[in-house]
Structure formats: structure tokens, C-alpha cells
């Protein structure tokens, strides 16, 4: 309750989903977003090209989810 009174910024919980569900999940978070491919072989996602930054629309989400979906079965979507 004290935190509510002080009005800190509350960051929405990241969502994990299948690539085909990414647009609907992203809509509940707001934009801009970060989308990351999830997998146990992805220790260095940036080096593998498995991260998309500054995703600003549902059409961007759909495009990046399709691209990342070729390398994984699950995505992590979170606000920037």
C-alpha cells in the first residue's frame, strides 16, 4: 500500500508465449517491447540474433515473432 501511495513505476511482468500467440500477448504489455527467443542453447542471444529491440507495433511483433519462431518454440516479450 505504501508503494502505491509513492507511485513508483510498476513494470509489467514479462510474457512467455509461442510465436503464433505473440501479437495477443504483446498487446497486454504496451509498447515499446523487447522480444527474445528462448532456448537452452541461447546463452548469448544477442550474438545469435535472437533479440529484437524497440518493437513498437503489433505488425512489428508479428514480423519478429515469425522470424524468431524459426529458431525456437517460445518467446519472451517484455517492456523496454
C-alpha atoms as a PDB file:
ATOM      1  CA  UNK A   1       0.000   0.000   0.000  1.00  0.00           C
ATOM      2  CA  UNK A   2       2.834   2.391   0.799  1.00  0.00           C
ATOM      3  CA  UNK A   3       4.360   1.723  -2.614  1.00  0.00           C
ATOM      4  CA  UNK A   4       1.061   2.559  -4.252  1.00  0.00           C
ATOM      5  CA  UNK A   5       0.974   5.897  -2.449  1.00  0.00           C
ATOM      6  CA  UNK A   6       4.506   6.733  -3.550  1.00  0.00           C
ATOM      7  CA  UNK A   7       3.549   5.974  -7.187  1.00  0.00           C
ATOM      8  CA  UNK A   8       6.608   4.032  -8.324  1.00  0.00           C
ATOM      9  CA  UNK A   9       6.648   2.804 -11.898  1.00  0.00           C
ATOM     10  CA  UNK A  10       5.493  -0.795 -11.949  1.00  0.00           C
ATOM     11  CA  UNK A  11       6.970  -2.780 -14.803  1.00  0.00           C
ATOM     12  CA  UNK A  12       4.587  -5.383 -16.241  1.00  0.00           C
ATOM     13  CA  UNK A  13       5.656  -8.990 -15.885  1.00  0.00           C
ATOM     14  CA  UNK A  14       7.335 -10.387 -19.000  1.00  0.00           C
ATOM     15  CA  UNK A  15       5.242 -12.820 -21.013  1.00  0.00           C
ATOM     16  CA  UNK A  16       6.378 -16.084 -22.497  1.00  0.00           C
ATOM     17  CA  UNK A  17       4.469 -17.499 -25.416  1.00  0.00           C
ATOM     18  CA  UNK A  18       4.528 -19.445 -28.628  1.00  0.00           C
ATOM     19  CA  UNK A  19       5.435 -17.306 -31.656  1.00  0.00           C
ATOM     20  CA  UNK A  20       1.885 -17.577 -33.030  1.00  0.00           C
ATOM     21  CA  UNK A  21       0.497 -16.062 -29.795  1.00  0.00           C
ATOM     22  CA  UNK A  22       2.960 -13.155 -29.649  1.00  0.00           C
ATOM     23  CA  UNK A  23       0.670 -10.413 -31.001  1.00  0.00           C
ATOM     24  CA  UNK A  24      -2.078 -11.051 -28.454  1.00  0.00           C
ATOM     25  CA  UNK A  25       0.387 -11.322 -25.564  1.00  0.00           C
ATOM     26  CA  UNK A  26       2.241  -8.155 -26.603  1.00  0.00           C
ATOM     27  CA  UNK A  27      -0.977  -6.153 -26.668  1.00  0.00           C
ATOM     28  CA  UNK A  28      -1.402  -6.608 -22.929  1.00  0.00           C
ATOM     29  CA  UNK A  29       2.049  -5.126 -22.209  1.00  0.00           C
ATOM     30  CA  UNK A  30       2.123  -1.965 -24.288  1.00  0.00           C
ATOM     31  CA  UNK A  31       4.960  -0.640 -26.435  1.00  0.00           C
ATOM     32  CA  UNK A  32       7.925  -0.415 -26.979  1.00  0.00           C
ATOM     33  CA  UNK A  33       8.876  -4.031 -26.396  1.00  0.00           C
ATOM     34  CA  UNK A  34      11.804  -6.411 -26.456  1.00  0.00           C
ATOM     35  CA  UNK A  35      11.292  -9.865 -27.946  1.00  0.00           C
ATOM     36  CA  UNK A  36      13.773 -12.651 -27.247  1.00  0.00           C
ATOM     37  CA  UNK A  37      13.966 -16.228 -28.459  1.00  0.00           C
ATOM     38  CA  UNK A  38      14.032 -18.712 -25.584  1.00  0.00           C
ATOM     39  CA  UNK A  39      16.025 -21.912 -25.617  1.00  0.00           C
ATOM     40  CA  UNK A  40      18.588 -23.706 -23.534  1.00  0.00           C
ATOM     41  CA  UNK A  41      21.192 -23.265 -26.276  1.00  0.00           C
ATOM     42  CA  UNK A  42      20.765 -19.479 -26.281  1.00  0.00           C
ATOM     43  CA  UNK A  43      23.295 -18.320 -23.693  1.00  0.00           C
ATOM     44  CA  UNK A  44      24.226 -15.265 -25.786  1.00  0.00           C
ATOM     45  CA  UNK A  45      21.009 -14.241 -27.520  1.00  0.00           C
ATOM     46  CA  UNK A  46      22.349 -11.006 -28.992  1.00  0.00           C
ATOM     47  CA  UNK A  47      25.254 -12.774 -30.702  1.00  0.00           C
ATOM     48  CA  UNK A  48      22.818 -15.302 -32.184  1.00  0.00           C
ATOM     49  CA  UNK A  49      20.487 -12.591 -33.497  1.00  0.00           C
ATOM     50  CA  UNK A  50      17.773 -13.816 -31.124  1.00  0.00           C
ATOM     51  CA  UNK A  51      16.773 -10.391 -29.707  1.00  0.00           C
ATOM     52  CA  UNK A  52      14.579  -7.695 -31.240  1.00  0.00           C
ATOM     53  CA  UNK A  53      14.608  -4.243 -29.603  1.00  0.00           C
ATOM     54  CA  UNK A  54      12.252  -1.268 -29.824  1.00  0.00           C
ATOM     55  CA  UNK A  55       9.316  -3.229 -31.202  1.00  0.00           C
ATOM     56  CA  UNK A  56       6.637  -0.538 -31.492  1.00  0.00           C
ATOM     57  CA  UNK A  57       3.547  -2.100 -33.115  1.00  0.00           C
ATOM     58  CA  UNK A  58       1.555  -5.294 -33.475  1.00  0.00           C
ATOM     59  CA  UNK A  59       2.762  -5.645 -37.080  1.00  0.00           C
ATOM     60  CA  UNK A  60       6.374  -5.457 -35.804  1.00  0.00           C
ATOM     61  CA  UNK A  61       5.554  -8.121 -33.210  1.00  0.00           C
ATOM     62  CA  UNK A  62       4.106 -10.399 -35.884  1.00  0.00           C
ATOM     63  CA  UNK A  63       7.138  -9.953 -38.144  1.00  0.00           C
ATOM     64  CA  UNK A  64       9.727 -10.532 -35.418  1.00  0.00           C
ATOM     65  CA  UNK A  65       7.809 -13.439 -33.861  1.00  0.00           C
ATOM     66  CA  UNK A  66       7.745 -15.155 -37.244  1.00  0.00           C
ATOM     67  CA  UNK A  67      11.498 -14.587 -37.713  1.00  0.00           C
ATOM     68  CA  UNK A  68      12.416 -15.723 -34.191  1.00  0.00           C
ATOM     69  CA  UNK A  69       9.974 -18.622 -34.384  1.00  0.00           C
ATOM     70  CA  UNK A  70      12.290 -20.295 -36.893  1.00  0.00           C
ATOM     71  CA  UNK A  71      14.894 -20.730 -34.135  1.00  0.00           C
ATOM     72  CA  UNK A  72      12.757 -21.531 -31.082  1.00  0.00           C
ATOM     73  CA  UNK A  73       9.396 -22.680 -29.764  1.00  0.00           C
ATOM     74  CA  UNK A  74       8.974 -19.987 -27.072  1.00  0.00           C
ATOM     75  CA  UNK A  75       9.475 -16.227 -26.942  1.00  0.00           C
ATOM     76  CA  UNK A  76       9.998 -13.813 -24.075  1.00  0.00           C
ATOM     77  CA  UNK A  77       8.204 -10.489 -24.534  1.00  0.00           C
ATOM     78  CA  UNK A  78       8.879  -7.635 -22.131  1.00  0.00           C
ATOM     79  CA  UNK A  79       8.642  -3.874 -21.998  1.00  0.00           C
ATOM     80  CA  UNK A  80      11.733  -1.780 -22.653  1.00  0.00           C
END
